[in-house]
Amino acid sequence: MKITKVEGSKKPLTVESVEIRESLVEDLIHAERISGKTQGFEFLAAVLSQIGTFDGQLLAPEELRRLPTKDFLELAGESGLTDATTSPGTSSTSSEKESGEKSE
């Protein structure tokens, strides 16, 4: 199978430098309000828009959707939120209650 990469019709967002700060609970709450979600890529874009400056500017989550996937995922990893926001999960407490098991 031959795969050929071609340019898309939408121009990706190119950013030279990004500065992110540690997220606060209020950032997560605001991101939830903006995106209407508590996890996933839309929520993550909303969080990143709250904690990051992109070439010295604040950008809306809608603008961050145009980042190349590789850059977005790298930035998400640096934020420390990828596990909590991109995959569904349950807390250990709730799963322990459901199964009747205790972890030691």
N, C-alpha and C. Protein backbone atom coordinates (compact mmCIF):
# COMPACT_ATOMS: atom_id res chain seq x y z
N MET A 1 0.84 -1.17 0.00
CA MET A 1 0.00 0.00 0.00
C MET A 1 0.89 1.23 0.00
N LYS A 2 0.55 2.17 -0.85
CA LYS A 2 1.31 3.41 -0.93
C LYS A 2 0.48 4.53 -0.30
N ILE A 3 1.09 5.25 0.64
CA ILE A 3 0.42 6.37 1.30
C ILE A 3 1.15 7.65 0.91
N THR A 4 0.38 8.61 0.45
CA THR A 4 0.95 9.89 0.05
C THR A 4 0.30 10.99 0.89
N LYS A 5 1.11 11.78 1.59
CA LYS A 5 0.58 12.90 2.35
C LYS A 5 0.38 14.09 1.41
N VAL A 6 -0.78 14.72 1.52
CA VAL A 6 -1.07 15.91 0.72
C VAL A 6 -1.48 17.03 1.66
N GLU A 7 -1.34 18.25 1.19
CA GLU A 7 -1.75 19.40 1.99
C GLU A 7 -3.26 19.45 2.08
N GLY A 8 -3.77 19.75 3.26
CA GLY A 8 -5.21 19.87 3.45
C GLY A 8 -5.72 21.21 2.97
N SER A 9 -7.02 21.34 2.93
CA SER A 9 -7.62 22.59 2.48
C SER A 9 -7.55 23.67 3.56
N LYS A 10 -7.44 23.24 4.82
CA LYS A 10 -7.32 24.20 5.92
C LYS A 10 -5.87 24.37 6.30
N LYS A 11 -5.46 25.60 6.45
CA LYS A 11 -4.08 25.88 6.84
C LYS A 11 -3.92 25.64 8.34
N PRO A 12 -2.93 24.83 8.74
CA PRO A 12 -2.73 24.59 10.17
C PRO A 12 -2.19 25.83 10.88
N LEU A 13 -2.47 25.89 12.15
CA LEU A 13 -1.96 26.97 12.99
C LEU A 13 -0.49 26.69 13.28
N THR A 14 0.37 27.61 12.94
CA THR A 14 1.79 27.43 13.26
C THR A 14 2.16 28.38 14.38
N VAL A 15 2.83 27.84 15.36
CA VAL A 15 3.21 28.59 16.55
C VAL A 15 4.69 28.35 16.79
N GLU A 16 5.43 29.41 17.03
CA GLU A 16 6.87 29.29 17.29
C GLU A 16 7.17 28.94 18.74
N SER A 17 6.45 29.59 19.68
CA SER A 17 6.72 29.31 21.09
C SER A 17 5.41 29.33 21.89
N VAL A 18 5.38 28.46 22.88
CA VAL A 18 4.22 28.34 23.75
C VAL A 18 4.71 28.36 25.19
N GLU A 19 4.02 29.11 26.01
CA GLU A 19 4.29 29.11 27.44
C GLU A 19 3.03 28.62 28.13
N ILE A 20 3.17 27.62 29.01
CA ILE A 20 2.02 27.16 29.78
C ILE A 20 2.35 27.24 31.25
N ARG A 21 1.32 27.53 32.02
CA ARG A 21 1.47 27.54 33.47
C ARG A 21 0.72 26.34 34.03
N GLU A 22 0.97 26.04 35.28
CA GLU A 22 0.25 24.94 35.92
C GLU A 22 -1.23 25.29 35.97
N SER A 23 -2.07 24.32 35.64
CA SER A 23 -3.50 24.59 35.66
C SER A 23 -4.03 24.57 37.09
N LEU A 24 -5.09 25.36 37.27
CA LEU A 24 -5.78 25.43 38.55
C LEU A 24 -7.17 24.83 38.37
N VAL A 25 -7.81 24.50 39.46
CA VAL A 25 -9.16 23.95 39.39
C VAL A 25 -10.08 24.93 38.66
N GLU A 26 -9.91 26.22 38.90
CA GLU A 26 -10.77 27.20 38.22
C GLU A 26 -10.58 27.15 36.70
N ASP A 27 -9.39 26.79 36.23
CA ASP A 27 -9.18 26.64 34.79
C ASP A 27 -10.00 25.47 34.25
N LEU A 28 -10.04 24.38 35.02
CA LEU A 28 -10.82 23.21 34.60
C LEU A 28 -12.31 23.52 34.58
N ILE A 29 -12.78 24.24 35.59
CA ILE A 29 -14.19 24.61 35.65
C ILE A 29 -14.55 25.51 34.48
N HIS A 30 -13.70 26.48 34.21
CA HIS A 30 -13.95 27.39 33.08
C HIS A 30 -13.92 26.63 31.76
N ALA A 31 -12.99 25.72 31.61
CA ALA A 31 -12.90 24.92 30.38
C ALA A 31 -14.15 24.05 30.21
N GLU A 32 -14.66 23.53 31.31
CA GLU A 32 -15.89 22.74 31.26
C GLU A 32 -17.06 23.60 30.78
N ARG A 33 -17.13 24.82 31.27
CA ARG A 33 -18.21 25.74 30.84
C ARG A 33 -18.08 26.10 29.37
N ILE A 34 -16.85 26.36 28.93
CA ILE A 34 -16.62 26.74 27.53
C ILE A 34 -16.96 25.60 26.59
N SER A 35 -16.47 24.40 26.90
CA SER A 35 -16.60 23.27 25.98
C SER A 35 -17.88 22.48 26.17
N GLY A 36 -18.49 22.60 27.33
CA GLY A 36 -19.67 21.79 27.62
C GLY A 36 -19.33 20.33 27.88
N LYS A 37 -18.06 20.05 28.10
CA LYS A 37 -17.60 18.67 28.31
C LYS A 37 -16.65 18.63 29.51
N THR A 38 -16.50 17.43 30.07
CA THR A 38 -15.59 17.26 31.20
C THR A 38 -14.35 16.46 30.83
N GLN A 39 -14.28 16.00 29.58
CA GLN A 39 -13.10 15.27 29.10
C GLN A 39 -13.10 15.30 27.59
N GLY A 40 -12.03 14.82 27.02
CA GLY A 40 -11.92 14.76 25.57
C GLY A 40 -11.09 15.92 25.02
N PHE A 41 -10.93 15.90 23.71
CA PHE A 41 -10.06 16.88 23.06
C PHE A 41 -10.62 18.29 23.10
N GLU A 42 -11.93 18.45 23.00
CA GLU A 42 -12.51 19.80 23.08
C GLU A 42 -12.26 20.40 24.46
N PHE A 43 -12.45 19.58 25.50
CA PHE A 43 -12.18 20.04 26.85
C PHE A 43 -10.71 20.40 27.01
N LEU A 44 -9.83 19.55 26.49
CA LEU A 44 -8.40 19.79 26.58
C LEU A 44 -8.00 21.08 25.86
N ALA A 45 -8.57 21.33 24.69
CA ALA A 45 -8.29 22.57 23.97
C ALA A 45 -8.74 23.77 24.80
N ALA A 46 -9.88 23.63 25.49
CA ALA A 46 -10.37 24.72 26.33
C ALA A 46 -9.43 24.97 27.51
N VAL A 47 -8.92 23.90 28.11
CA VAL A 47 -7.96 24.06 29.21
C VAL A 47 -6.69 24.73 28.71
N LEU A 48 -6.17 24.25 27.59
CA LEU A 48 -4.93 24.81 27.04
C LEU A 48 -5.10 26.29 26.70
N SER A 49 -6.28 26.67 26.26
CA SER A 49 -6.52 28.08 25.94
C SER A 49 -6.49 28.94 27.20
N GLN A 50 -6.77 28.31 28.35
CA GLN A 50 -6.75 29.03 29.63
C GLN A 50 -5.35 29.15 30.21
N ILE A 51 -4.51 28.16 29.99
CA ILE A 51 -3.22 28.12 30.68
C ILE A 51 -2.04 28.45 29.77
N GLY A 52 -2.28 28.65 28.49
CA GLY A 52 -1.17 28.87 27.57
C GLY A 52 -1.20 30.20 26.86
N THR A 53 -0.01 30.65 26.50
CA THR A 53 0.12 31.78 25.58
C THR A 53 0.91 31.27 24.39
N PHE A 54 0.45 31.65 23.22
CA PHE A 54 0.97 31.13 21.96
C PHE A 54 1.56 32.29 21.18
N ASP A 55 2.88 32.30 21.07
CA ASP A 55 3.59 33.45 20.50
C ASP A 55 3.17 34.74 21.20
N GLY A 56 3.01 34.64 22.52
CA GLY A 56 2.66 35.81 23.34
C GLY A 56 1.20 36.18 23.34
N GLN A 57 0.35 35.39 22.71
CA GLN A 57 -1.07 35.72 22.63
C GLN A 57 -1.92 34.62 23.26
N LEU A 58 -3.07 35.03 23.80
CA LEU A 58 -4.07 34.07 24.24
C LEU A 58 -4.87 33.66 23.01
N LEU A 59 -5.15 32.39 22.87
CA LEU A 59 -5.92 31.91 21.73
C LEU A 59 -7.16 31.18 22.23
N ALA A 60 -8.24 31.30 21.48
CA ALA A 60 -9.48 30.61 21.80
C ALA A 60 -9.33 29.12 21.49
N PRO A 61 -10.11 28.27 22.17
CA PRO A 61 -10.04 26.83 21.90
C PRO A 61 -10.28 26.51 20.42
N GLU A 62 -11.16 27.24 19.77
CA GLU A 62 -11.44 27.00 18.36
C GLU A 62 -10.19 27.20 17.50
N GLU A 63 -9.35 28.13 17.88
CA GLU A 63 -8.11 28.35 17.14
C GLU A 63 -7.11 27.21 17.38
N LEU A 64 -7.09 26.68 18.59
CA LEU A 64 -6.16 25.60 18.92
C LEU A 64 -6.50 24.31 18.19
N ARG A 65 -7.72 24.16 17.74
CA ARG A 65 -8.12 22.98 16.96
C ARG A 65 -7.35 22.89 15.65
N ARG A 66 -6.78 24.00 15.20
CA ARG A 66 -6.05 24.02 13.94
C ARG A 66 -4.57 23.69 14.12
N LEU A 67 -4.14 23.41 15.35
CA LEU A 67 -2.75 22.98 15.57
C LEU A 67 -2.55 21.62 14.91
N PRO A 68 -1.37 21.36 14.38
CA PRO A 68 -1.09 20.01 13.91
C PRO A 68 -1.23 19.02 15.07
N THR A 69 -1.74 17.85 14.79
CA THR A 69 -2.01 16.85 15.82
C THR A 69 -0.78 16.59 16.69
N LYS A 70 0.37 16.45 16.06
CA LYS A 70 1.61 16.18 16.80
C LYS A 70 1.88 17.28 17.83
N ASP A 71 1.74 18.55 17.42
CA ASP A 71 1.97 19.67 18.33
C ASP A 71 0.94 19.71 19.45
N PHE A 72 -0.33 19.47 19.10
CA PHE A 72 -1.40 19.48 20.11
C PHE A 72 -1.15 18.41 21.16
N LEU A 73 -0.81 17.21 20.72
CA LEU A 73 -0.58 16.11 21.66
C LEU A 73 0.66 16.35 22.52
N GLU A 74 1.69 16.93 21.93
CA GLU A 74 2.89 17.26 22.70
C GLU A 74 2.56 18.30 23.78
N LEU A 75 1.81 19.31 23.39
CA LEU A 75 1.40 20.35 24.34
C LEU A 75 0.51 19.78 25.42
N ALA A 76 -0.40 18.91 25.04
CA ALA A 76 -1.29 18.26 26.01
C ALA A 76 -0.47 17.44 27.01
N GLY A 77 0.55 16.75 26.53
CA GLY A 77 1.41 15.97 27.41
C GLY A 77 2.15 16.84 28.39
N GLU A 78 2.63 17.97 27.93
CA GLU A 78 3.34 18.90 28.81
C GLU A 78 2.42 19.49 29.88
N SER A 79 1.14 19.57 29.58
CA SER A 79 0.19 20.14 30.54
C SER A 79 -0.06 19.19 31.71
N GLY A 80 0.20 17.90 31.50
CA GLY A 80 -0.03 16.92 32.55
C GLY A 80 -1.48 16.49 32.69
N LEU A 81 -2.32 16.85 31.73
CA LEU A 81 -3.74 16.54 31.84
C LEU A 81 -4.23 15.46 30.89
N THR A 82 -3.39 14.91 30.07
CA THR A 82 -3.85 14.01 29.01
C THR A 82 -4.54 12.77 29.54
N ASP A 83 -4.05 12.14 30.57
CA ASP A 83 -4.68 10.92 31.07
C ASP A 83 -6.09 11.19 31.60
N ALA A 84 -6.24 12.29 32.29
CA ALA A 84 -7.52 12.60 32.89
C ALA A 84 -8.54 13.11 31.89
N THR A 85 -8.09 13.70 30.80
CA THR A 85 -9.03 14.39 29.94
C THR A 85 -9.31 13.72 28.61
N THR A 86 -8.51 12.78 28.19
CA THR A 86 -8.74 12.19 26.88
C THR A 86 -9.24 10.75 26.93
N SER A 87 -9.25 10.17 28.12
CA SER A 87 -9.75 8.80 28.20
C SER A 87 -10.71 8.68 29.36
N PRO A 88 -11.81 7.96 29.15
CA PRO A 88 -12.75 7.79 30.25
C PRO A 88 -12.13 6.92 31.32
N GLY A 89 -12.45 7.19 32.53
CA GLY A 89 -11.91 6.39 33.62
C GLY A 89 -12.76 6.57 34.85
N THR A 90 -12.52 5.71 35.81
CA THR A 90 -13.20 5.82 37.08
C THR A 90 -12.16 5.94 38.16
N SER A 91 -12.53 6.56 39.23
CA SER A 91 -11.58 6.67 40.33
C SER A 91 -11.43 5.31 40.99
N SER A 92 -10.32 5.10 41.67
CA SER A 92 -10.10 3.81 42.32
C SER A 92 -11.14 3.61 43.42
N THR A 93 -11.59 4.69 44.06
CA THR A 93 -12.57 4.57 45.12
C THR A 93 -13.89 4.03 44.58
N SER A 94 -14.37 4.58 43.46
CA SER A 94 -15.65 4.11 42.93
C SER A 94 -15.55 2.69 42.40
N SER A 95 -14.44 2.32 41.79
CA SER A 95 -14.32 0.95 41.28
C SER A 95 -14.18 -0.04 42.43
N GLU A 96 -13.55 0.38 43.52
CA GLU A 96 -13.44 -0.49 44.68
C GLU A 96 -14.82 -0.74 45.29
N LYS A 97 -15.65 0.30 45.34
CA LYS A 97 -16.99 0.15 45.90
C LYS A 97 -17.82 -0.80 45.06
N GLU A 98 -17.70 -0.68 43.74
CA GLU A 98 -18.48 -1.52 42.84
C GLU A 98 -18.08 -2.98 42.96
N SER A 99 -16.80 -3.25 43.07
CA SER A 99 -16.34 -4.63 43.09
C SER A 99 -16.24 -5.20 44.50
N GLY A 100 -16.30 -4.32 45.51
CA GLY A 100 -16.18 -4.78 46.88
C GLY A 100 -14.74 -5.05 47.28
N GLU A 101 -13.78 -4.68 46.43
CA GLU A 101 -12.37 -4.92 46.72
C GLU A 101 -11.74 -3.70 47.32
N LYS A 102 -10.68 -3.92 48.07
CA LYS A 102 -9.89 -2.82 48.62
C LYS A 102 -8.48 -2.97 48.11
N SER A 103 -7.88 -1.85 47.74
CA SER A 103 -6.47 -1.91 47.32
C SER A 103 -5.60 -1.63 48.52
N GLU A 104 -4.44 -2.25 48.52
CA GLU A 104 -3.53 -2.05 49.64
C GLU A 104 -2.27 -1.39 49.19
